[in-house]
Amino acid sequence: MTEQPSAPDGPLIPMPALTPAALRAAVAQIAPAQLPSFVEHLDRAVEQAATQSTIAPLRTFLLWWGEFVAIERYPARAARLRELEAVAEEATDREALHSALAEMRQITDVAQREISA
């Protein structure tokens, strides 16, 4: 089920449903190195949900990985976010840090809108 982007800046895959199975398939396709982290996070969320008698940890898990997939399915967006993270980590002045954080927020806001659609 490999889908090629229709444009150079297009998504590698459609945005999946916010379910563990759909997100696992998406992560396997666009960021296979992250599958162990996905499984570990899912296991922790299930354990916490059972212990706390609430679905909140599962909802948090789905939203976190939904945002991850929304960002990573666009290679240019994902690359830009990593660049901004490096800039923020190494920033020596407030202006550079503020600028990097503002652009990072824009990227994550777009991803949030995509998973809410």
PDB file of N, CA and C in Angstrom:
ATOM      1  N   MET A   1       0.827  -1.178   0.000  1.00  0.00           N
ATOM      2  CA  MET A   1       0.000   0.000   0.000  1.00  0.00           C
ATOM      3  C   MET A   1       0.874   1.245   0.000  1.00  0.00           C
ATOM      4  N   THR A   2       1.828   1.302  -0.871  1.00  0.00           N
ATOM      5  CA  THR A   2       2.707   2.459  -0.974  1.00  0.00           C
ATOM      6  C   THR A   2       2.066   3.488  -1.881  1.00  0.00           C
ATOM      7  N   GLU A   3       1.835   4.661  -1.347  1.00  0.00           N
ATOM      8  CA  GLU A   3       1.242   5.736  -2.116  1.00  0.00           C
ATOM      9  C   GLU A   3       2.295   6.803  -2.323  1.00  0.00           C
ATOM     10  N   GLN A   4       2.512   7.173  -3.562  1.00  0.00           N
ATOM     11  CA  GLN A   4       3.481   8.206  -3.880  1.00  0.00           C
ATOM     12  C   GLN A   4       2.807   9.563  -3.758  1.00  0.00           C
ATOM     13  N   PRO A   5       3.532  10.554  -3.287  1.00  0.00           N
ATOM     14  CA  PRO A   5       2.933  11.880  -3.189  1.00  0.00           C
ATOM     15  C   PRO A   5       2.564  12.398  -4.573  1.00  0.00           C
ATOM     16  N   SER A   6       1.445  13.118  -4.644  1.00  0.00           N
ATOM     17  CA  SER A   6       1.000  13.641  -5.926  1.00  0.00           C
ATOM     18  C   SER A   6       1.802  14.874  -6.324  1.00  0.00           C
ATOM     19  N   ALA A   7       2.397  15.535  -5.366  1.00  0.00           N
ATOM     20  CA  ALA A   7       3.247  16.696  -5.614  1.00  0.00           C
ATOM     21  C   ALA A   7       4.476  16.543  -4.726  1.00  0.00           C
ATOM     22  N   PRO A   8       5.573  17.218  -5.084  1.00  0.00           N
ATOM     23  CA  PRO A   8       6.793  17.066  -4.288  1.00  0.00           C
ATOM     24  C   PRO A   8       6.593  17.348  -2.792  1.00  0.00           C
ATOM     25  N   ASP A   9       5.692  18.257  -2.468  1.00  0.00           N
ATOM     26  CA  ASP A   9       5.468  18.599  -1.069  1.00  0.00           C
ATOM     27  C   ASP A   9       4.247  17.902  -0.488  1.00  0.00           C
ATOM     28  N   GLY A  10       3.669  16.968  -1.244  1.00  0.00           N
ATOM     29  CA  GLY A  10       2.457  16.283  -0.792  1.00  0.00           C
ATOM     30  C   GLY A  10       2.744  15.231   0.261  1.00  0.00           C
ATOM     31  N   PRO A  11       1.684  14.718   0.871  1.00  0.00           N
ATOM     32  CA  PRO A  11       1.860  13.706   1.906  1.00  0.00           C
ATOM     33  C   PRO A  11       2.262  12.359   1.323  1.00  0.00           C
ATOM     34  N   LEU A  12       3.052  11.611   2.093  1.00  0.00           N
ATOM     35  CA  LEU A  12       3.438  10.265   1.677  1.00  0.00           C
ATOM     36  C   LEU A  12       2.261   9.307   1.771  1.00  0.00           C
ATOM     37  N   ILE A  13       1.403   9.542   2.773  1.00  0.00           N
ATOM     38  CA  ILE A  13       0.233   8.705   3.004  1.00  0.00           C
ATOM     39  C   ILE A  13      -0.930   9.593   3.408  1.00  0.00           C
ATOM     40  N   PRO A  14      -2.154   9.106   3.257  1.00  0.00           N
ATOM     41  CA  PRO A  14      -3.289   9.866   3.788  1.00  0.00           C
ATOM     42  C   PRO A  14      -3.242   9.860   5.315  1.00  0.00           C
ATOM     43  N   MET A  15      -3.892  10.817   5.928  1.00  0.00           N
ATOM     44  CA  MET A  15      -3.956  10.852   7.387  1.00  0.00           C
ATOM     45  C   MET A  15      -4.818   9.683   7.845  1.00  0.00           C
ATOM     46  N   PRO A  16      -4.253   8.800   8.687  1.00  0.00           N
ATOM     47  CA  PRO A  16      -5.026   7.640   9.141  1.00  0.00           C
ATOM     48  C   PRO A  16      -6.014   8.011  10.244  1.00  0.00           C
ATOM     49  N   ALA A  17      -6.910   7.093  10.503  1.00  0.00           N
ATOM     50  CA  ALA A  17      -7.820   7.245  11.638  1.00  0.00           C
ATOM     51  C   ALA A  17      -7.002   7.205  12.926  1.00  0.00           C
ATOM     52  N   LEU A  18      -7.518   7.801  13.965  1.00  0.00           N
ATOM     53  CA  LEU A  18      -6.822   7.796  15.257  1.00  0.00           C
ATOM     54  C   LEU A  18      -7.180   6.526  16.025  1.00  0.00           C
ATOM     55  N   THR A  19      -6.699   5.411  15.507  1.00  0.00           N
ATOM     56  CA  THR A  19      -6.846   4.122  16.180  1.00  0.00           C
ATOM     57  C   THR A  19      -5.457   3.512  16.287  1.00  0.00           C
ATOM     58  N   PRO A  20      -5.232   2.669  17.284  1.00  0.00           N
ATOM     59  CA  PRO A  20      -3.903   2.043  17.386  1.00  0.00           C
ATOM     60  C   PRO A  20      -3.492   1.305  16.125  1.00  0.00           C
ATOM     61  N   ALA A  21      -4.405   0.550  15.523  1.00  0.00           N
ATOM     62  CA  ALA A  21      -4.057  -0.229  14.325  1.00  0.00           C
ATOM     63  C   ALA A  21      -3.701   0.673  13.146  1.00  0.00           C
ATOM     64  N   ALA A  22      -4.508   1.696  12.908  1.00  0.00           N
ATOM     65  CA  ALA A  22      -4.246   2.602  11.784  1.00  0.00           C
ATOM     66  C   ALA A  22      -2.954   3.383  11.993  1.00  0.00           C
ATOM     67  N   LEU A  23      -2.743   3.851  13.214  1.00  0.00           N
ATOM     68  CA  LEU A  23      -1.516   4.600  13.491  1.00  0.00           C
ATOM     69  C   LEU A  23      -0.285   3.704  13.409  1.00  0.00           C
ATOM     70  N   ARG A  24      -0.410   2.455  13.886  1.00  0.00           N
ATOM     71  CA  ARG A  24       0.712   1.514  13.793  1.00  0.00           C
ATOM     72  C   ARG A  24       1.090   1.276  12.327  1.00  0.00           C
ATOM     73  N   ALA A  25       0.093   1.091  11.474  1.00  0.00           N
ATOM     74  CA  ALA A  25       0.357   0.880  10.044  1.00  0.00           C
ATOM     75  C   ALA A  25       1.029   2.112   9.431  1.00  0.00           C
ATOM     76  N   ALA A  26       0.578   3.298   9.827  1.00  0.00           N
ATOM     77  CA  ALA A  26       1.170   4.527   9.301  1.00  0.00           C
ATOM     78  C   ALA A  26       2.612   4.684   9.761  1.00  0.00           C
ATOM     79  N   VAL A  27       2.867   4.442  11.035  1.00  0.00           N
ATOM     80  CA  VAL A  27       4.230   4.548  11.565  1.00  0.00           C
ATOM     81  C   VAL A  27       5.124   3.520  10.876  1.00  0.00           C
ATOM     82  N   ALA A  28       4.619   2.318  10.677  1.00  0.00           N
ATOM     83  CA  ALA A  28       5.401   1.275   9.998  1.00  0.00           C
ATOM     84  C   ALA A  28       5.787   1.710   8.596  1.00  0.00           C
ATOM     85  N   GLN A  29       4.921   2.454   7.945  1.00  0.00           N
ATOM     86  CA  GLN A  29       5.185   2.877   6.569  1.00  0.00           C
ATOM     87  C   GLN A  29       6.089   4.102   6.480  1.00  0.00           C
ATOM     88  N   ILE A  30       5.869   5.105   7.332  1.00  0.00           N
ATOM     89  CA  ILE A  30       6.616   6.359   7.163  1.00  0.00           C
ATOM     90  C   ILE A  30       7.782   6.542   8.121  1.00  0.00           C
ATOM     91  N   ALA A  31       7.794   5.778   9.223  1.00  0.00           N
ATOM     92  CA  ALA A  31       8.884   5.912  10.206  1.00  0.00           C
ATOM     93  C   ALA A  31       9.091   4.582  10.918  1.00  0.00           C
ATOM     94  N   PRO A  32       9.461   3.536  10.176  1.00  0.00           N
ATOM     95  CA  PRO A  32       9.557   2.198  10.771  1.00  0.00           C
ATOM     96  C   PRO A  32      10.509   2.112  11.966  1.00  0.00           C
ATOM     97  N   ALA A  33      11.499   2.946  12.019  1.00  0.00           N
ATOM     98  CA  ALA A  33      12.431   2.928  13.160  1.00  0.00           C
ATOM     99  C   ALA A  33      11.729   3.328  14.457  1.00  0.00           C
ATOM    100  N   GLN A  34      10.574   3.967  14.354  1.00  0.00           N
ATOM    101  CA  GLN A  34       9.838   4.415  15.537  1.00  0.00           C
ATOM    102  C   GLN A  34       8.841   3.382  16.057  1.00  0.00           C
ATOM    103  N   LEU A  35       8.702   2.246  15.360  1.00  0.00           N
ATOM    104  CA  LEU A  35       7.740   1.222  15.800  1.00  0.00           C
ATOM    105  C   LEU A  35       7.986   0.719  17.221  1.00  0.00           C
ATOM    106  N   PRO A  36       9.228   0.448  17.615  1.00  0.00           N
ATOM    107  CA  PRO A  36       9.431   0.027  19.006  1.00  0.00           C
ATOM    108  C   PRO A  36       8.950   1.065  20.022  1.00  0.00           C
ATOM    109  N   SER A  37       9.167   2.334  19.749  1.00  0.00           N
ATOM    110  CA  SER A  37       8.681   3.395  20.641  1.00  0.00           C
ATOM    111  C   SER A  37       7.162   3.424  20.659  1.00  0.00           C
ATOM    112  N   PHE A  38       6.558   3.234  19.490  1.00  0.00           N
ATOM    113  CA  PHE A  38       5.105   3.199  19.389  1.00  0.00           C
ATOM    114  C   PHE A  38       4.542   2.087  20.278  1.00  0.00           C
ATOM    115  N   VAL A  39       5.076   0.892  20.122  1.00  0.00           N
ATOM    116  CA  VAL A  39       4.585  -0.267  20.883  1.00  0.00           C
ATOM    117  C   VAL A  39       4.798  -0.064  22.378  1.00  0.00           C
ATOM    118  N   GLU A  40       5.965   0.439  22.753  1.00  0.00           N
ATOM    119  CA  GLU A  40       6.256   0.692  24.169  1.00  0.00           C
ATOM    120  C   GLU A  40       5.287   1.712  24.756  1.00  0.00           C
ATOM    121  N   HIS A  41       5.041   2.790  24.005  1.00  0.00           N
ATOM    122  CA  HIS A  41       4.127   3.834  24.461  1.00  0.00           C
ATOM    123  C   HIS A  41       2.706   3.278  24.576  1.00  0.00           C
ATOM    124  N   LEU A  42       2.288   2.463  23.612  1.00  0.00           N
ATOM    125  CA  LEU A  42       0.950   1.854  23.659  1.00  0.00           C
ATOM    126  C   LEU A  42       0.817   0.946  24.884  1.00  0.00           C
ATOM    127  N   ASP A  43       1.823   0.125  25.121  1.00  0.00           N
ATOM    128  CA  ASP A  43       1.796  -0.762  26.292  1.00  0.00           C
ATOM    129  C   ASP A  43       1.671   0.033  27.587  1.00  0.00           C
ATOM    130  N   ARG A  44       2.446   1.124  27.697  1.00  0.00           N
ATOM    131  CA  ARG A  44       2.391   1.977  28.887  1.00  0.00           C
ATOM    132  C   ARG A  44       1.005   2.609  29.043  1.00  0.00           C
ATOM    133  N   ALA A  45       0.441   3.064  27.925  1.00  0.00           N
ATOM    134  CA  ALA A  45      -0.873   3.711  27.968  1.00  0.00           C
ATOM    135  C   ALA A  45      -1.954   2.723  28.408  1.00  0.00           C
ATOM    136  N   VAL A  46      -1.890   1.502  27.890  1.00  0.00           N
ATOM    137  CA  VAL A  46      -2.868   0.485  28.273  1.00  0.00           C
ATOM    138  C   VAL A  46      -2.731   0.170  29.762  1.00  0.00           C
ATOM    139  N   GLU A  47      -1.508   0.022  30.214  1.00  0.00           N
ATOM    140  CA  GLU A  47      -1.250  -0.259  31.630  1.00  0.00           C
ATOM    141  C   GLU A  47      -1.777   0.866  32.523  1.00  0.00           C
ATOM    142  N   GLN A  48      -1.484   2.103  32.146  1.00  0.00           N
ATOM    143  CA  GLN A  48      -1.950   3.249  32.935  1.00  0.00           C
ATOM    144  C   GLN A  48      -3.469   3.334  32.919  1.00  0.00           C
ATOM    145  N   ALA A  49      -4.078   3.087  31.773  1.00  0.00           N
ATOM    146  CA  ALA A  49      -5.536   3.141  31.678  1.00  0.00           C
ATOM    147  C   ALA A  49      -6.176   2.114  32.604  1.00  0.00           C
ATOM    148  N   ALA A  50      -5.609   0.918  32.634  1.00  0.00           N
ATOM    149  CA  ALA A  50      -6.142  -0.135  33.508  1.00  0.00           C
ATOM    150  C   ALA A  50      -5.934   0.224  34.975  1.00  0.00           C
ATOM    151  N   THR A  51      -4.760   0.707  35.306  1.00  0.00           N
ATOM    152  CA  THR A  51      -4.444   1.055  36.689  1.00  0.00           C
ATOM    153  C   THR A  51      -5.293   2.218  37.189  1.00  0.00           C
ATOM    154  N   GLN A  52      -5.489   3.208  36.329  1.00  0.00           N
ATOM    155  CA  GLN A  52      -6.198   4.426  36.729  1.00  0.00           C
ATOM    156  C   GLN A  52      -7.706   4.368  36.452  1.00  0.00           C
ATOM    157  N   SER A  53      -8.154   3.303  35.805  1.00  0.00           N
ATOM    158  CA  SER A  53      -9.573   3.156  35.436  1.00  0.00           C
ATOM    159  C   SER A  53     -10.087   4.356  34.640  1.00  0.00           C
ATOM    160  N   THR A  54      -9.285   4.768  33.648  1.00  0.00           N
ATOM    161  CA  THR A  54      -9.658   5.891  32.786  1.00  0.00           C
ATOM    162  C   THR A  54      -9.053   5.662  31.400  1.00  0.00           C
ATOM    163  N   ILE A  55      -9.694   6.224  30.398  1.00  0.00           N
ATOM    164  CA  ILE A  55      -9.151   6.093  29.044  1.00  0.00           C
ATOM    165  C   ILE A  55      -8.215   7.252  28.694  1.00  0.00           C
ATOM    166  N   ALA A  56      -8.015   8.174  29.603  1.00  0.00           N
ATOM    167  CA  ALA A  56      -7.182   9.351  29.338  1.00  0.00           C
ATOM    168  C   ALA A  56      -5.790   8.991  28.806  1.00  0.00           C
ATOM    169  N   PRO A  57      -5.083   8.009  29.371  1.00  0.00           N
ATOM    170  CA  PRO A  57      -3.767   7.669  28.822  1.00  0.00           C
ATOM    171  C   PRO A  57      -3.841   7.166  27.371  1.00  0.00           C
ATOM    172  N   LEU A  58      -4.909   6.458  27.044  1.00  0.00           N
ATOM    173  CA  LEU A  58      -5.074   5.974  25.665  1.00  0.00           C
ATOM    174  C   LEU A  58      -5.364   7.138  24.722  1.00  0.00           C
ATOM    175  N   ARG A  59      -6.177   8.078  25.159  1.00  0.00           N
ATOM    176  CA  ARG A  59      -6.482   9.258  24.343  1.00  0.00           C
ATOM    177  C   ARG A  59      -5.206  10.076  24.107  1.00  0.00           C
ATOM    178  N   THR A  60      -4.418  10.245  25.152  1.00  0.00           N
ATOM    179  CA  THR A  60      -3.149  10.969  25.025  1.00  0.00           C
ATOM    180  C   THR A  60      -2.230  10.263  24.033  1.00  0.00           C
ATOM    181  N   PHE A  61      -2.151   8.946  24.129  1.00  0.00           N
ATOM    182  CA  PHE A  61      -1.348   8.147  23.201  1.00  0.00           C
ATOM    183  C   PHE A  61      -1.796   8.387  21.757  1.00  0.00           C
ATOM    184  N   LEU A  62      -3.103   8.287  21.504  1.00  0.00           N
ATOM    185  CA  LEU A  62      -3.624   8.458  20.145  1.00  0.00           C
ATOM    186  C   LEU A  62      -3.341   9.853  19.605  1.00  0.00           C
ATOM    187  N   LEU A  63      -3.502  10.862  20.436  1.00  0.00           N
ATOM    188  CA  LEU A  63      -3.242  12.236  19.986  1.00  0.00           C
ATOM    189  C   LEU A  63      -1.755  12.463  19.720  1.00  0.00           C
ATOM    190  N   TRP A  64      -0.892  11.913  20.593  1.00  0.00           N
ATOM    191  CA  TRP A  64       0.554  12.093  20.410  1.00  0.00           C
ATOM    192  C   TRP A  64       1.007  11.456  19.090  1.00  0.00           C
ATOM    193  N   TRP A  65       0.608  10.202  18.864  1.00  0.00           N
ATOM    194  CA  TRP A  65       1.028   9.524  17.646  1.00  0.00           C
ATOM    195  C   TRP A  65       0.296  10.045  16.414  1.00  0.00           C
ATOM    196  N   GLY A  66      -0.908  10.545  16.597  1.00  0.00           N
ATOM    197  CA  GLY A  66      -1.601  11.190  15.485  1.00  0.00           C
ATOM    198  C   GLY A  66      -0.845  12.422  15.014  1.00  0.00           C
ATOM    199  N   GLU A  67      -0.393  13.223  15.971  1.00  0.00           N
ATOM    200  CA  GLU A  67       0.398  14.410  15.625  1.00  0.00           C
ATOM    201  C   GLU A  67       1.723  14.000  14.978  1.00  0.00           C
ATOM    202  N   PHE A  68       2.359  12.976  15.511  1.00  0.00           N
ATOM    203  CA  PHE A  68       3.612  12.489  14.937  1.00  0.00           C
ATOM    204  C   PHE A  68       3.407  12.106  13.476  1.00  0.00           C
ATOM    205  N   VAL A  69       2.370  11.332  13.191  1.00  0.00           N
ATOM    206  CA  VAL A  69       2.093  10.888  11.817  1.00  0.00           C
ATOM    207  C   VAL A  69       1.739  12.082  10.943  1.00  0.00           C
ATOM    208  N   ALA A  70       0.921  13.007  11.453  1.00  0.00           N
ATOM    209  CA  ALA A  70       0.539  14.183  10.670  1.00  0.00           C
ATOM    210  C   ALA A  70       1.764  14.980  10.237  1.00  0.00           C
ATOM    211  N   ILE A  71       2.750  15.051  11.098  1.00  0.00           N
ATOM    212  CA  ILE A  71       3.983  15.775  10.756  1.00  0.00           C
ATOM    213  C   ILE A  71       4.861  14.944   9.833  1.00  0.00           C
ATOM    214  N   GLU A  72       5.107  13.702  10.182  1.00  0.00           N
ATOM    215  CA  GLU A  72       6.051  12.859   9.439  1.00  0.00           C
ATOM    216  C   GLU A  72       5.570  12.460   8.052  1.00  0.00           C
ATOM    217  N   ARG A  73       4.283  12.520   7.798  1.00  0.00           N
ATOM    218  CA  ARG A  73       3.804  12.126   6.472  1.00  0.00           C
ATOM    219  C   ARG A  73       4.165  13.158   5.407  1.00  0.00           C
ATOM    220  N   TYR A  74       4.594  14.322   5.847  1.00  0.00           N
ATOM    221  CA  TYR A  74       5.135  15.361   4.958  1.00  0.00           C
ATOM    222  C   TYR A  74       6.629  15.470   5.239  1.00  0.00           C
ATOM    223  N   PRO A  75       7.485  14.881   4.424  1.00  0.00           N
ATOM    224  CA  PRO A  75       8.928  14.886   4.704  1.00  0.00           C
ATOM    225  C   PRO A  75       9.524  16.285   4.899  1.00  0.00           C
ATOM    226  N   ALA A  76       9.098  17.250   4.114  1.00  0.00           N
ATOM    227  CA  ALA A  76       9.648  18.605   4.252  1.00  0.00           C
ATOM    228  C   ALA A  76       9.238  19.208   5.597  1.00  0.00           C
ATOM    229  N   ARG A  77       8.015  18.965   6.017  1.00  0.00           N
ATOM    230  CA  ARG A  77       7.535  19.469   7.312  1.00  0.00           C
ATOM    231  C   ARG A  77       8.319  18.830   8.449  1.00  0.00           C
ATOM    232  N   ALA A  78       8.505  17.529   8.367  1.00  0.00           N
ATOM    233  CA  ALA A  78       9.248  16.811   9.415  1.00  0.00           C
ATOM    234  C   ALA A  78      10.695  17.296   9.485  1.00  0.00           C
ATOM    235  N   ALA A  79      11.302  17.483   8.324  1.00  0.00           N
ATOM    236  CA  ALA A  79      12.695  17.953   8.283  1.00  0.00           C
ATOM    237  C   ALA A  79      12.793  19.359   8.874  1.00  0.00           C
ATOM    238  N   ARG A  80      11.839  20.204   8.543  1.00  0.00           N
ATOM    239  CA  ARG A  80      11.865  21.572   9.068  1.00  0.00           C
ATOM    240  C   ARG A  80      11.696  21.571  10.587  1.00  0.00           C
ATOM    241  N   LEU A  81      10.828  20.723  11.102  1.00  0.00           N
ATOM    242  CA  LEU A  81      10.645  20.644  12.546  1.00  0.00           C
ATOM    243  C   LEU A  81      11.942  20.214  13.223  1.00  0.00           C
ATOM    244  N   ARG A  82      12.631  19.236  12.654  1.00  0.00           N
ATOM    245  CA  ARG A  82      13.916  18.797  13.237  1.00  0.00           C
ATOM    246  C   ARG A  82      14.947  19.921  13.194  1.00  0.00           C
ATOM    247  N   GLU A  83      14.971  20.691  12.097  1.00  0.00           N
ATOM    248  CA  GLU A  83      15.889  21.834  12.013  1.00  0.00           C
ATOM    249  C   GLU A  83      15.578  22.851  13.110  1.00  0.00           C
ATOM    250  N   LEU A  84      14.306  23.133  13.291  1.00  0.00           N
ATOM    251  CA  LEU A  84      13.896  24.106  14.304  1.00  0.00           C
ATOM    252  C   LEU A  84      14.217  23.627  15.716  1.00  0.00           C
ATOM    253  N   GLU A  85      14.060  22.332  15.961  1.00  0.00           N
ATOM    254  CA  GLU A  85      14.415  21.781  17.263  1.00  0.00           C
ATOM    255  C   GLU A  85      15.904  21.973  17.538  1.00  0.00           C
ATOM    256  N   ALA A  86      16.724  21.757  16.506  1.00  0.00           N
ATOM    257  CA  ALA A  86      18.168  21.955  16.665  1.00  0.00           C
ATOM    258  C   ALA A  86      18.487  23.424  16.919  1.00  0.00           C
ATOM    259  N   VAL A  87      17.822  24.319  16.187  1.00  0.00           N
ATOM    260  CA  VAL A  87      18.035  25.754  16.379  1.00  0.00           C
ATOM    261  C   VAL A  87      17.657  26.151  17.809  1.00  0.00           C
ATOM    262  N   ALA A  88      16.512  25.656  18.279  1.00  0.00           N
ATOM    263  CA  ALA A  88      16.048  25.993  19.631  1.00  0.00           C
ATOM    264  C   ALA A  88      17.010  25.461  20.691  1.00  0.00           C
ATOM    265  N   GLU A  89      17.524  24.272  20.451  1.00  0.00           N
ATOM    266  CA  GLU A  89      18.464  23.675  21.403  1.00  0.00           C
ATOM    267  C   GLU A  89      19.762  24.467  21.501  1.00  0.00           C
ATOM    268  N   GLU A  90      20.198  25.018  20.375  1.00  0.00           N
ATOM    269  CA  GLU A  90      21.489  25.707  20.333  1.00  0.00           C
ATOM    270  C   GLU A  90      21.371  27.225  20.401  1.00  0.00           C
ATOM    271  N   ALA A  91      20.152  27.741  20.509  1.00  0.00           N
ATOM    272  CA  ALA A  91      19.949  29.192  20.496  1.00  0.00           C
ATOM    273  C   ALA A  91      20.673  29.846  21.667  1.00  0.00           C
ATOM    274  N   THR A  92      21.364  30.934  21.343  1.00  0.00           N
ATOM    275  CA  THR A  92      22.088  31.669  22.381  1.00  0.00           C
ATOM    276  C   THR A  92      21.423  33.009  22.679  1.00  0.00           C
ATOM    277  N   ASP A  93      20.434  33.380  21.869  1.00  0.00           N
ATOM    278  CA  ASP A  93      19.720  34.622  22.154  1.00  0.00           C
ATOM    279  C   ASP A  93      18.212  34.374  22.117  1.00  0.00           C
ATOM    280  N   ARG A  94      17.503  35.210  22.833  1.00  0.00           N
ATOM    281  CA  ARG A  94      16.053  35.064  22.968  1.00  0.00           C
ATOM    282  C   ARG A  94      15.325  35.165  21.637  1.00  0.00           C
ATOM    283  N   GLU A  95      15.789  36.044  20.795  1.00  0.00           N
ATOM    284  CA  GLU A  95      15.141  36.273  19.494  1.00  0.00           C
ATOM    285  C   GLU A  95      15.138  34.995  18.654  1.00  0.00           C
ATOM    286  N   ALA A  96      16.287  34.337  18.549  1.00  0.00           N
ATOM    287  CA  ALA A  96      16.382  33.098  17.765  1.00  0.00           C
ATOM    288  C   ALA A  96      15.519  32.002  18.374  1.00  0.00           C
ATOM    289  N   LEU A  97      15.543  31.902  19.684  1.00  0.00           N
ATOM    290  CA  LEU A  97      14.730  30.896  20.366  1.00  0.00           C
ATOM    291  C   LEU A  97      13.244  31.169  20.147  1.00  0.00           C
ATOM    292  N   HIS A  98      12.835  32.404  20.327  1.00  0.00           N
ATOM    293  CA  HIS A  98      11.431  32.768  20.148  1.00  0.00           C
ATOM    294  C   HIS A  98      10.956  32.465  18.727  1.00  0.00           C
ATOM    295  N   SER A  99      11.768  32.815  17.754  1.00  0.00           N
ATOM    296  CA  SER A  99      11.425  32.583  16.355  1.00  0.00           C
ATOM    297  C   SER A  99      11.282  31.086  16.059  1.00  0.00           C
ATOM    298  N   ALA A 100      12.230  30.294  16.541  1.00  0.00           N
ATOM    299  CA  ALA A 100      12.178  28.844  16.318  1.00  0.00           C
ATOM    300  C   ALA A 100      10.955  28.237  16.990  1.00  0.00           C
ATOM    301  N   LEU A 101      10.678  28.636  18.223  1.00  0.00           N
ATOM    302  CA  LEU A 101       9.526  28.099  18.948  1.00  0.00           C
ATOM    303  C   LEU A 101       8.210  28.490  18.279  1.00  0.00           C
ATOM    304  N   ALA A 102       8.141  29.712  17.757  1.00  0.00           N
ATOM    305  CA  ALA A 102       6.916  30.158  17.084  1.00  0.00           C
ATOM    306  C   ALA A 102       6.654  29.325  15.833  1.00  0.00           C
ATOM    307  N   GLU A 103       7.698  29.050  15.059  1.00  0.00           N
ATOM    308  CA  GLU A 103       7.515  28.245  13.852  1.00  0.00           C
ATOM    309  C   GLU A 103       7.200  26.787  14.209  1.00  0.00           C
ATOM    310  N   MET A 104       7.812  26.277  15.268  1.00  0.00           N
ATOM    311  CA  MET A 104       7.497  24.916  15.723  1.00  0.00           C
ATOM    312  C   MET A 104       6.023  24.834  16.121  1.00  0.00           C
ATOM    313  N   ARG A 105       5.540  25.857  16.791  1.00  0.00           N
ATOM    314  CA  ARG A 105       4.134  25.909  17.205  1.00  0.00           C
ATOM    315  C   ARG A 105       3.220  25.907  15.988  1.00  0.00           C
ATOM    316  N   GLN A 106       3.608  26.626  14.937  1.00  0.00           N
ATOM    317  CA  GLN A 106       2.808  26.640  13.711  1.00  0.00           C
ATOM    318  C   GLN A 106       2.713  25.239  13.109  1.00  0.00           C
ATOM    319  N   ILE A 107       3.827  24.542  13.079  1.00  0.00           N
ATOM    320  CA  ILE A 107       3.843  23.186  12.519  1.00  0.00           C
ATOM    321  C   ILE A 107       2.949  22.264  13.336  1.00  0.00           C
ATOM    322  N   THR A 108       3.060  22.322  14.644  1.00  0.00           N
ATOM    323  CA  THR A 108       2.243  21.438  15.476  1.00  0.00           C
ATOM    324  C   THR A 108       0.766  21.850  15.447  1.00  0.00           C
ATOM    325  N   ASP A 109       0.480  23.132  15.295  1.00  0.00           N
ATOM    326  CA  ASP A 109      -0.911  23.569  15.167  1.00  0.00           C
ATOM    327  C   ASP A 109      -1.544  23.007  13.891  1.00  0.00           C
ATOM    328  N   VAL A 110      -0.810  23.026  12.793  1.00  0.00           N
ATOM    329  CA  VAL A 110      -1.309  22.446  11.537  1.00  0.00           C
ATOM    330  C   VAL A 110      -1.555  20.956  11.720  1.00  0.00           C
ATOM    331  N   ALA A 111      -0.625  20.272  12.354  1.00  0.00           N
ATOM    332  CA  ALA A 111      -0.790  18.840  12.593  1.00  0.00           C
ATOM    333  C   ALA A 111      -2.015  18.577  13.460  1.00  0.00           C
ATOM    334  N   GLN A 112      -2.226  19.392  14.490  1.00  0.00           N
ATOM    335  CA  GLN A 112      -3.404  19.233  15.354  1.00  0.00           C
ATOM    336  C   GLN A 112      -4.690  19.404  14.573  1.00  0.00           C
ATOM    337  N   ARG A 113      -4.714  20.373  13.668  1.00  0.00           N
ATOM    338  CA  ARG A 113      -5.910  20.570  12.842  1.00  0.00           C
ATOM    339  C   ARG A 113      -6.150  19.355  11.950  1.00  0.00           C
ATOM    340  N   GLU A 114      -5.084  18.763  11.429  1.00  0.00           N
ATOM    341  CA  GLU A 114      -5.228  17.593  10.567  1.00  0.00           C
ATOM    342  C   GLU A 114      -5.796  16.392  11.332  1.00  0.00           C
ATOM    343  N   ILE A 115      -5.381  16.208  12.570  1.00  0.00           N
ATOM    344  CA  ILE A 115      -5.897  15.046  13.298  1.00  0.00           C
ATOM    345  C   ILE A 115      -7.301  15.305  13.842  1.00  0.00           C
ATOM    346  N   SER A 116      -7.706  16.571  13.888  1.00  0.00           N
ATOM    347  CA  SER A 116      -9.046  16.903  14.345  1.00  0.00           C
ATOM    348  C   SER A 116     -10.067  16.902  13.208  1.00  0.00           C
ATOM    349  N   ALA A 117      -9.570  16.893  11.979  1.00  0.00           N
ATOM    350  CA  ALA A 117     -10.480  16.964  10.812  1.00  0.00           C
ATOM    351  C   ALA A 117     -11.262  15.694  10.609  1.00  0.00           C
TER     352      ALA A 117
END
